[in-house]
Amino acid sequence: MCVRRVWRAKPTDINLDLFRKLASSFNGLDRLILYGQGEPFLNPNFLQILKISRENLPKDGEIFFSTNGSLFSPHIAEKIIMNIGVDSISFSIDTVDTMKLSSTRRGAEPKTIMKNFQYIAGMRGKAIRDFKLGIEAVLMKWNLNDLPKLVEELAEYVDYILVSHAIPYTDDAFRELTYVTLSKTPLEIMKTSLSYGWDLIREASYGLLGRAYEMDIGAKAIEIINEFWRKAEDNGYWINLPLMFESIDKIKIISRVEKCFHECMRIASKYQIELKLPNLYPDARRRKCPYVDKNVAFIRADGKVTPCLEFAYSHPVYVNMHVKEVKEVIFGDLKSERIDDVWNKNSYVKFRKIRRSFTNNIPWCGDCSYSTMKCFFTKTNEMDCYTNEPGCNECIYSVNLAQCNI
């Protein structure tokens, strides 16, 4: 499920001198999030980075990091939690089934991860600075049935659990998805006729051809589709028939996901912890950019400034029945610029302004049949059909199917 399997970027650690330069601008920050597309404890200078961060942040500025837990040993935990102080720690644990966890996160030792997790959970209330402890889980078909058990077994240790659907960077991951990119309203309108499948489109095509030759064929299919379109447009949506017919198996899975979520919410309520669940469906009329909404910038290890995790590096993504080439989006370079100057660049200000009214300014391709038929504007993220550069028209984060812990 990790983008590092498909990108062409060279993994690297942020240079300490560069980080010190960056830290000189921390005085206005509310929160510093120390993770990106890698395990923070692989950086040999991570403890030093934490110290620099704490020294330069405002007194009430928060430090948060996410870890897979493999290297977060009790010895290191003592140094961080008792001497430096952090405000939030999140462990990436997708299942408490040790066999599944070890096969999914290759190289990980589940017993070590759980030992480290429980030790750190026991440090709450004793730390130099109170901190929240959380779990992040990525939901796919293989671990769907495990989610209630994960919540049940770990809820007593944590303050929150965040669940995200997966971003499909590979065809294998796409087949494991537990969601569709179709808005719920047009899907509900079409649900009674999904069983027709592609026959409905074929009959309507024959009908259109028949009209040209004054032949009465396929009229019923045309009438059905026109009625669906009218209802959808009355509600402010489009209908993507090809994607609907190709997503029937995934649509069936959503009812299982809904039951799973209800059970997880019941358990979370019993333990009185915060459970952050993704949406079951996207909604073209209710979208926002979580990074813009929270005034977040993403800084790569090489100092390049990018607007979000998804635009940080070039990579493919499988969405709406096609492969999209996502190109990196860079607004500045902290090796030669200050973060304040990059943040206030006209191009970056314009980027954020457009996305503050996301639904009105950005199209949603999940409900557009052109997106499944090799539309030019879905080949890359360089431009959408509203001429926004770059395009966020197929962003899974914008519809809260994927959640980023920021």
Protein backbone atom coordinates (compact mmCIF):
# COMPACT_ATOMS: atom_id res chain seq x y z
CA MET A 1 0.00 0.00 0.00
CA CYS A 2 3.03 2.31 0.24
CA VAL A 3 3.88 4.84 -2.48
CA ARG A 4 7.57 4.02 -1.99
CA ARG A 5 6.97 0.81 -3.94
CA VAL A 6 6.17 2.75 -7.11
CA TRP A 7 7.92 6.12 -6.97
CA ARG A 8 11.31 6.93 -8.49
CA ALA A 9 12.49 9.23 -5.70
CA LYS A 10 15.70 8.50 -3.84
CA PRO A 11 15.03 8.00 -0.10
CA THR A 12 17.02 10.48 1.97
CA ASP A 13 17.18 12.06 5.43
CA ILE A 14 16.81 15.76 6.02
CA ASN A 15 20.13 17.50 6.59
CA LEU A 16 20.55 18.81 10.17
CA ASP A 17 21.86 22.18 9.01
CA LEU A 18 18.82 22.56 6.76
CA PHE A 19 16.54 21.59 9.61
CA ARG A 20 18.16 24.16 11.93
CA LYS A 21 17.56 26.82 9.28
CA LEU A 22 13.94 25.73 9.01
CA ALA A 23 13.56 25.71 12.81
CA SER A 24 14.36 29.42 12.94
CA SER A 25 10.88 29.96 11.47
CA PHE A 26 9.06 27.76 14.01
CA ASN A 27 8.07 30.62 16.30
CA GLY A 28 4.68 31.01 14.63
CA LEU A 29 3.79 27.34 14.32
CA ASP A 30 0.88 25.65 16.12
CA ARG A 31 1.94 22.12 15.20
CA LEU A 32 4.99 20.39 13.74
CA ILE A 33 4.40 16.99 12.15
CA LEU A 34 7.60 14.96 11.86
CA TYR A 35 6.86 12.27 9.34
CA GLY A 36 6.54 12.02 5.59
CA GLN A 37 6.97 9.01 3.32
CA GLY A 38 9.23 7.06 5.65
CA GLU A 39 9.82 5.79 9.17
CA PRO A 40 11.17 8.70 11.27
CA PHE A 41 13.33 6.45 13.45
CA LEU A 42 15.37 5.43 10.41
CA ASN A 43 16.79 8.95 10.46
CA PRO A 44 19.93 8.71 12.64
CA ASN A 45 19.43 12.33 13.73
CA PHE A 46 15.79 12.00 14.75
CA LEU A 47 16.42 12.62 18.46
CA GLN A 48 18.42 15.73 17.59
CA ILE A 49 15.62 16.90 15.30
CA LEU A 50 13.16 16.54 18.17
CA LYS A 51 15.42 18.58 20.48
CA ILE A 52 15.85 21.34 17.91
CA SER A 53 12.10 21.37 17.36
CA ARG A 54 11.27 21.69 21.04
CA GLU A 55 13.84 24.48 21.51
CA ASN A 56 12.43 26.55 18.64
CA LEU A 57 8.68 25.99 18.84
CA PRO A 58 6.44 28.25 20.95
CA LYS A 59 5.76 26.92 24.44
CA ASP A 60 2.32 25.68 23.38
CA GLY A 61 3.52 24.45 19.96
CA GLU A 62 2.80 20.77 19.41
CA ILE A 63 5.17 18.08 18.15
CA PHE A 64 3.59 15.02 16.56
CA PHE A 65 5.10 12.03 14.80
CA SER A 66 3.86 8.76 13.37
CA THR A 67 5.83 5.50 13.52
CA ASN A 68 5.47 1.85 12.62
CA GLY A 69 6.81 1.12 16.11
CA SER A 70 9.57 -1.30 15.14
CA LEU A 71 12.46 0.92 16.30
CA PHE A 72 10.64 2.90 18.99
CA SER A 73 12.21 0.94 21.84
CA PRO A 74 11.70 1.64 25.58
CA HIS A 75 15.25 3.05 25.75
CA ILE A 76 14.54 5.61 23.02
CA ALA A 77 11.07 6.29 24.40
CA GLU A 78 12.57 7.30 27.75
CA LYS A 79 14.82 9.87 26.04
CA ILE A 80 12.00 11.35 23.97
CA ILE A 81 9.06 11.29 26.34
CA MET A 82 10.87 11.95 29.63
CA ASN A 83 13.56 14.39 28.46
CA ILE A 84 12.42 16.18 25.28
CA GLY A 85 8.64 16.01 25.39
CA VAL A 86 6.18 15.46 22.54
CA ASP A 87 2.45 16.09 22.27
CA SER A 88 1.16 13.25 20.13
CA ILE A 89 2.47 9.86 18.97
CA SER A 90 0.72 7.62 16.48
CA PHE A 91 1.48 3.96 15.77
CA SER A 92 0.65 2.52 12.34
CA ILE A 93 -1.03 -0.79 13.13
CA ASP A 94 -3.46 -2.16 10.54
CA THR A 95 -4.43 -5.34 12.38
CA VAL A 96 -3.74 -7.17 15.62
CA ASP A 97 -3.49 -10.43 13.69
CA THR A 98 0.28 -11.01 13.95
CA MET A 99 0.47 -13.22 10.85
CA LYS A 100 -1.25 -10.64 8.67
CA LEU A 101 0.75 -7.77 10.15
CA SER A 102 4.10 -9.43 9.50
CA SER A 103 3.18 -10.33 5.92
CA THR A 104 1.83 -6.84 5.13
CA ARG A 105 4.59 -4.81 6.78
CA ARG A 106 7.52 -6.89 5.62
CA GLY A 107 10.47 -6.85 7.97
CA ALA A 108 8.29 -5.86 10.92
CA GLU A 109 8.18 -8.00 14.06
CA PRO A 110 4.64 -7.75 15.49
CA LYS A 111 5.66 -8.82 19.00
CA THR A 112 8.30 -6.07 19.13
CA ILE A 113 5.84 -3.48 17.83
CA MET A 114 3.21 -4.40 20.42
CA LYS A 115 5.79 -4.50 23.22
CA ASN A 116 7.00 -1.00 22.29
CA PHE A 117 3.43 0.26 21.96
CA GLN A 118 2.36 -1.04 25.38
CA TYR A 119 5.48 0.36 27.05
CA ILE A 120 4.81 3.82 25.65
CA ALA A 121 1.14 3.58 26.59
CA GLY A 122 2.29 2.97 30.16
CA MET A 123 4.28 6.21 30.14
CA ARG A 124 1.21 8.42 29.83
CA GLY A 125 0.79 10.49 32.96
CA LYS A 126 4.50 10.20 33.77
CA ALA A 127 5.94 12.20 30.86
CA ILE A 128 7.65 15.57 31.02
CA ARG A 129 4.84 16.76 28.75
CA ASP A 130 1.38 15.17 28.47
CA PHE A 131 0.95 13.43 25.14
CA LYS A 132 -1.82 11.75 23.19
CA LEU A 133 -1.33 8.22 21.91
CA GLY A 134 -3.10 7.04 18.79
CA ILE A 135 -3.39 4.28 16.22
CA GLU A 136 -3.53 4.68 12.44
CA ALA A 137 -4.99 1.85 10.36
CA VAL A 138 -5.30 1.60 6.58
CA LEU A 139 -8.45 -0.30 5.62
CA MET A 140 -8.54 -2.81 2.76
CA LYS A 141 -10.40 -6.05 2.02
CA TRP A 142 -7.74 -8.17 3.73
CA ASN A 143 -8.13 -6.49 7.15
CA LEU A 144 -11.76 -5.30 7.06
CA ASN A 145 -13.00 -8.01 9.41
CA ASP A 146 -10.07 -7.35 11.78
CA LEU A 147 -10.95 -3.71 12.46
CA PRO A 148 -13.46 -4.22 15.33
CA LYS A 149 -10.98 -6.49 17.11
CA LEU A 150 -8.21 -3.91 16.68
CA VAL A 151 -10.42 -1.24 18.26
CA GLU A 152 -11.47 -3.60 21.07
CA GLU A 153 -7.95 -4.71 21.97
CA LEU A 154 -6.17 -1.35 21.70
CA ALA A 155 -8.86 1.12 22.81
CA GLU A 156 -7.89 0.95 26.48
CA TYR A 157 -4.37 2.16 25.63
CA VAL A 158 -5.10 5.09 23.28
CA ASP A 159 -6.79 8.46 23.00
CA TYR A 160 -7.83 8.03 19.38
CA ILE A 161 -7.87 5.63 16.43
CA LEU A 162 -7.75 6.99 12.87
CA VAL A 163 -8.89 4.76 10.02
CA SER A 164 -8.21 5.57 6.37
CA HIS A 165 -9.11 3.87 3.14
CA ALA A 166 -6.10 3.11 0.97
CA ILE A 167 -4.74 5.16 -1.93
CA PRO A 168 -4.24 2.60 -4.71
CA TYR A 169 -0.72 3.07 -6.04
CA THR A 170 -0.73 -0.37 -7.67
CA ASP A 171 -3.27 -2.53 -9.49
CA ASP A 172 -3.09 -5.06 -6.61
CA ALA A 173 -3.99 -2.35 -4.10
CA PHE A 174 -6.83 -1.15 -6.33
CA ARG A 175 -8.42 -4.60 -6.22
CA GLU A 176 -8.24 -4.51 -2.40
CA LEU A 177 -10.20 -1.26 -2.03
CA THR A 178 -13.31 -1.08 0.14
CA TYR A 179 -14.84 2.02 -1.46
CA VAL A 180 -15.97 3.51 -4.75
CA THR A 181 -15.36 7.02 -6.11
CA LEU A 182 -19.03 7.50 -7.06
CA SER A 183 -21.09 10.00 -5.08
CA LYS A 184 -23.81 8.35 -3.02
CA THR A 185 -26.74 10.37 -4.45
CA PRO A 186 -26.38 9.26 -8.11
CA LEU A 187 -25.51 5.78 -6.91
CA GLU A 188 -28.78 5.60 -4.94
CA ILE A 189 -30.67 6.88 -7.98
CA MET A 190 -29.16 4.14 -10.15
CA LYS A 191 -29.14 1.30 -7.62
CA THR A 192 -32.35 -0.38 -8.84
CA SER A 193 -30.95 -0.68 -12.36
CA LEU A 194 -27.36 -1.71 -11.64
CA SER A 195 -28.27 -5.31 -12.43
CA TYR A 196 -28.74 -4.33 -16.10
CA GLY A 197 -25.03 -3.64 -16.28
CA TRP A 198 -23.53 -2.77 -19.63
CA ASP A 199 -26.67 -4.06 -21.39
CA LEU A 200 -28.40 -0.81 -20.45
CA ILE A 201 -25.75 1.25 -22.26
CA ARG A 202 -25.76 -1.11 -25.26
CA GLU A 203 -29.56 -0.92 -25.56
CA ALA A 204 -29.47 2.86 -25.32
CA SER A 205 -26.76 2.99 -28.01
CA TYR A 206 -28.91 0.81 -30.30
CA GLY A 207 -31.81 3.16 -29.56
CA LEU A 208 -29.86 6.23 -30.60
CA LEU A 209 -28.78 4.47 -33.78
CA GLY A 210 -32.38 3.34 -34.37
CA ARG A 211 -33.68 6.88 -34.13
CA ALA A 212 -31.42 7.86 -37.00
CA TYR A 213 -33.12 5.21 -39.15
CA GLU A 214 -36.58 5.78 -37.62
CA MET A 215 -36.54 2.33 -35.97
CA ASP A 216 -38.22 1.73 -32.59
CA ILE A 217 -35.45 -0.08 -30.71
CA GLY A 218 -33.82 0.64 -27.37
CA ALA A 219 -36.36 3.36 -26.52
CA LYS A 220 -36.93 2.04 -23.00
CA ALA A 221 -33.18 2.10 -22.18
CA ILE A 222 -32.91 5.69 -23.42
CA GLU A 223 -35.91 6.65 -21.29
CA ILE A 224 -34.42 4.99 -18.20
CA ILE A 225 -31.04 6.73 -18.60
CA ASN A 226 -32.67 10.11 -19.30
CA GLU A 227 -34.76 9.78 -16.16
CA PHE A 228 -31.68 8.92 -14.08
CA TRP A 229 -29.81 11.91 -15.50
CA ARG A 230 -32.74 14.24 -14.79
CA LYS A 231 -32.93 13.13 -11.15
CA ALA A 232 -29.17 13.40 -10.69
CA GLU A 233 -28.96 16.88 -12.25
CA ASP A 234 -31.90 18.05 -10.12
CA ASN A 235 -29.74 17.20 -7.11
CA GLY A 236 -26.60 18.79 -8.58
CA TYR A 237 -24.76 15.59 -9.64
CA TRP A 238 -23.66 13.73 -12.75
CA ILE A 239 -23.85 9.98 -13.35
CA ASN A 240 -20.85 7.88 -14.36
CA LEU A 241 -22.56 4.77 -15.74
CA PRO A 242 -19.41 2.91 -16.92
CA LEU A 243 -17.78 3.25 -13.49
CA MET A 244 -20.98 2.16 -11.74
CA PHE A 245 -21.21 -1.01 -13.78
CA GLU A 246 -17.51 -1.78 -13.25
CA SER A 247 -17.83 -1.17 -9.49
CA ILE A 248 -20.73 -3.49 -8.65
CA ASP A 249 -18.53 -5.82 -6.56
CA LYS A 250 -17.10 -2.90 -4.59
CA ILE A 251 -20.58 -1.42 -4.07
CA LYS A 252 -21.62 -4.69 -2.44
CA ILE A 253 -18.63 -4.51 -0.07
CA ILE A 254 -19.67 -1.08 1.22
CA SER A 255 -22.57 -2.58 3.18
CA ARG A 256 -20.03 -4.77 5.02
CA VAL A 257 -17.84 -1.72 5.69
CA GLU A 258 -20.85 0.15 7.09
CA LYS A 259 -21.64 -2.68 9.52
CA CYS A 260 -17.97 -2.83 10.52
CA PHE A 261 -17.91 0.92 11.19
CA HIS A 262 -21.05 0.75 13.33
CA GLU A 263 -19.47 -1.99 15.45
CA CYS A 264 -16.25 -0.02 15.79
CA MET A 265 -18.17 3.08 16.88
CA ARG A 266 -19.98 1.05 19.52
CA ILE A 267 -16.68 -0.22 20.93
CA ALA A 268 -15.05 3.22 20.81
CA SER A 269 -18.02 4.71 22.66
CA LYS A 270 -17.67 2.05 25.36
CA TYR A 271 -14.03 3.02 25.94
CA GLN A 272 -14.72 6.74 25.37
CA ILE A 273 -12.00 7.21 22.78
CA GLU A 274 -12.09 9.27 19.59
CA LEU A 275 -12.65 7.16 16.47
CA LYS A 276 -11.90 8.99 13.22
CA LEU A 277 -13.52 7.04 10.38
CA PRO A 278 -13.34 7.84 6.66
CA ASN A 279 -16.45 8.37 4.56
CA LEU A 280 -18.25 5.38 3.11
CA TYR A 281 -18.87 7.29 -0.13
CA PRO A 282 -17.44 10.45 -1.66
CA ASP A 283 -19.73 13.40 -2.16
CA ALA A 284 -18.96 15.69 -5.09
CA ARG A 285 -20.83 18.50 -3.33
CA ARG A 286 -18.97 18.19 -0.03
CA ARG A 287 -15.24 18.38 -0.66
CA LYS A 288 -12.33 20.20 0.89
CA CYS A 289 -8.55 20.03 1.00
CA PRO A 290 -7.46 18.96 4.52
CA TYR A 291 -4.06 20.61 4.03
CA VAL A 292 -5.49 23.95 2.93
CA ASP A 293 -8.25 23.74 5.53
CA LYS A 294 -5.64 23.39 8.31
CA ASN A 295 -3.00 25.71 6.78
CA VAL A 296 -0.47 22.89 6.39
CA ALA A 297 2.58 22.83 4.13
CA PHE A 298 4.59 19.68 3.40
CA ILE A 299 8.39 19.98 3.45
CA ARG A 300 10.36 17.17 1.83
CA ALA A 301 13.63 15.86 3.23
CA ASP A 302 15.50 17.73 0.47
CA GLY A 303 13.94 21.05 1.53
CA LYS A 304 11.40 21.34 -1.31
CA VAL A 305 8.02 22.77 -0.27
CA THR A 306 4.91 21.07 -1.62
CA PRO A 307 1.22 21.53 -0.72
CA CYS A 308 0.41 18.00 0.42
CA LEU A 309 1.57 14.43 0.85
CA GLU A 310 0.08 13.30 -2.45
CA PHE A 311 1.85 16.00 -4.49
CA ALA A 312 5.18 15.59 -2.72
CA TYR A 313 6.61 13.04 -5.18
CA SER A 314 5.75 11.82 -8.68
CA HIS A 315 3.95 8.49 -8.75
CA PRO A 316 1.10 6.58 -10.44
CA VAL A 317 -2.31 6.16 -8.86
CA TYR A 318 -5.16 3.85 -9.91
CA VAL A 319 -8.47 5.72 -9.88
CA ASN A 320 -11.76 5.78 -11.85
CA MET A 321 -10.76 2.81 -14.04
CA HIS A 322 -7.52 4.38 -15.25
CA VAL A 323 -3.93 5.02 -14.23
CA LYS A 324 -3.09 8.64 -13.42
CA GLU A 325 0.47 9.97 -13.38
CA VAL A 326 0.71 12.35 -10.45
CA LYS A 327 3.52 14.86 -10.96
CA GLU A 328 5.26 16.48 -7.99
CA VAL A 329 4.13 20.04 -7.23
CA ILE A 330 6.88 22.26 -5.82
CA PHE A 331 6.36 25.84 -4.62
CA GLY A 332 9.82 26.54 -3.21
CA ASP A 333 13.18 25.28 -1.95
CA LEU A 334 14.24 25.99 1.64
CA LYS A 335 17.90 25.59 0.77
CA SER A 336 17.67 29.05 -0.77
CA GLU A 337 14.35 30.46 0.53
CA ARG A 338 12.56 31.03 3.83
CA ILE A 339 9.35 29.14 4.52
CA ASP A 340 7.46 32.42 5.10
CA ASP A 341 8.46 33.66 1.65
CA VAL A 342 7.42 30.40 -0.02
CA TRP A 343 4.09 30.37 1.85
CA ASN A 344 3.31 33.88 0.60
CA LYS A 345 4.28 33.34 -3.05
CA ASN A 346 1.52 34.35 -5.45
CA SER A 347 1.34 30.86 -6.95
CA TYR A 348 0.96 29.18 -3.55
CA VAL A 349 -1.54 31.80 -2.30
CA LYS A 350 -3.61 31.28 -5.47
CA PHE A 351 -3.43 27.48 -5.03
CA ARG A 352 -4.87 27.74 -1.50
CA LYS A 353 -7.47 30.37 -2.41
CA ILE A 354 -8.98 28.18 -5.14
CA ARG A 355 -9.17 25.19 -2.80
CA ARG A 356 -10.85 27.11 0.00
CA SER A 357 -13.98 26.79 -2.12
CA PHE A 358 -13.14 23.31 -3.33
CA THR A 359 -16.60 22.15 -4.42
CA ASN A 360 -17.23 25.22 -6.57
CA ASN A 361 -13.76 25.46 -8.11
CA ILE A 362 -12.60 21.86 -8.61
CA PRO A 363 -14.43 19.20 -10.70
CA TRP A 364 -15.00 15.71 -9.32
CA CYS A 365 -14.16 13.07 -11.93
CA GLY A 366 -15.69 10.14 -10.04
CA ASP A 367 -19.15 11.14 -11.27
CA CYS A 368 -18.04 11.94 -14.82
CA SER A 369 -18.07 9.19 -17.44
CA TYR A 370 -15.25 10.92 -19.35
CA SER A 371 -12.88 10.07 -16.49
CA THR A 372 -13.29 6.37 -17.25
CA MET A 373 -12.90 6.88 -21.00
CA LYS A 374 -9.30 8.21 -21.04
CA CYS A 375 -10.16 11.90 -20.71
CA PHE A 376 -7.11 14.11 -21.32
CA PHE A 377 -7.56 15.86 -17.96
CA THR A 378 -7.27 12.61 -16.01
CA LYS A 379 -3.96 11.43 -17.48
CA THR A 380 -1.96 13.58 -15.06
CA ASN A 381 -2.57 16.13 -12.31
CA GLU A 382 -1.09 18.95 -14.38
CA MET A 383 -4.45 20.54 -15.23
CA ASP A 384 -8.16 19.81 -14.75
CA CYS A 385 -11.04 20.63 -17.11
CA TYR A 386 -11.68 23.89 -15.22
CA THR A 387 -8.08 24.84 -16.19
CA ASN A 388 -6.76 24.68 -12.62
CA GLU A 389 -3.02 23.99 -12.53
CA PRO A 390 -2.36 21.58 -10.88
CA GLY A 391 -5.60 19.59 -10.79
CA CYS A 392 -7.08 18.02 -7.65
CA ASN A 393 -10.06 16.58 -9.53
CA GLU A 394 -9.49 12.97 -8.42
CA CYS A 395 -8.11 13.57 -4.93
CA ILE A 396 -9.21 10.82 -2.54
CA TYR A 397 -8.29 13.00 0.44
CA SER A 398 -10.68 15.78 -0.67
CA VAL A 399 -13.69 13.48 -0.18
CA ASN A 400 -12.38 12.05 3.10
CA LEU A 401 -12.01 8.52 1.81
CA ALA A 402 -8.33 8.72 2.66
CA GLN A 403 -7.37 10.56 5.84
CA CYS A 404 -4.00 12.08 6.63
CA ASN A 405 -3.16 12.47 10.32
CA ILE A 406 -2.43 16.17 10.35
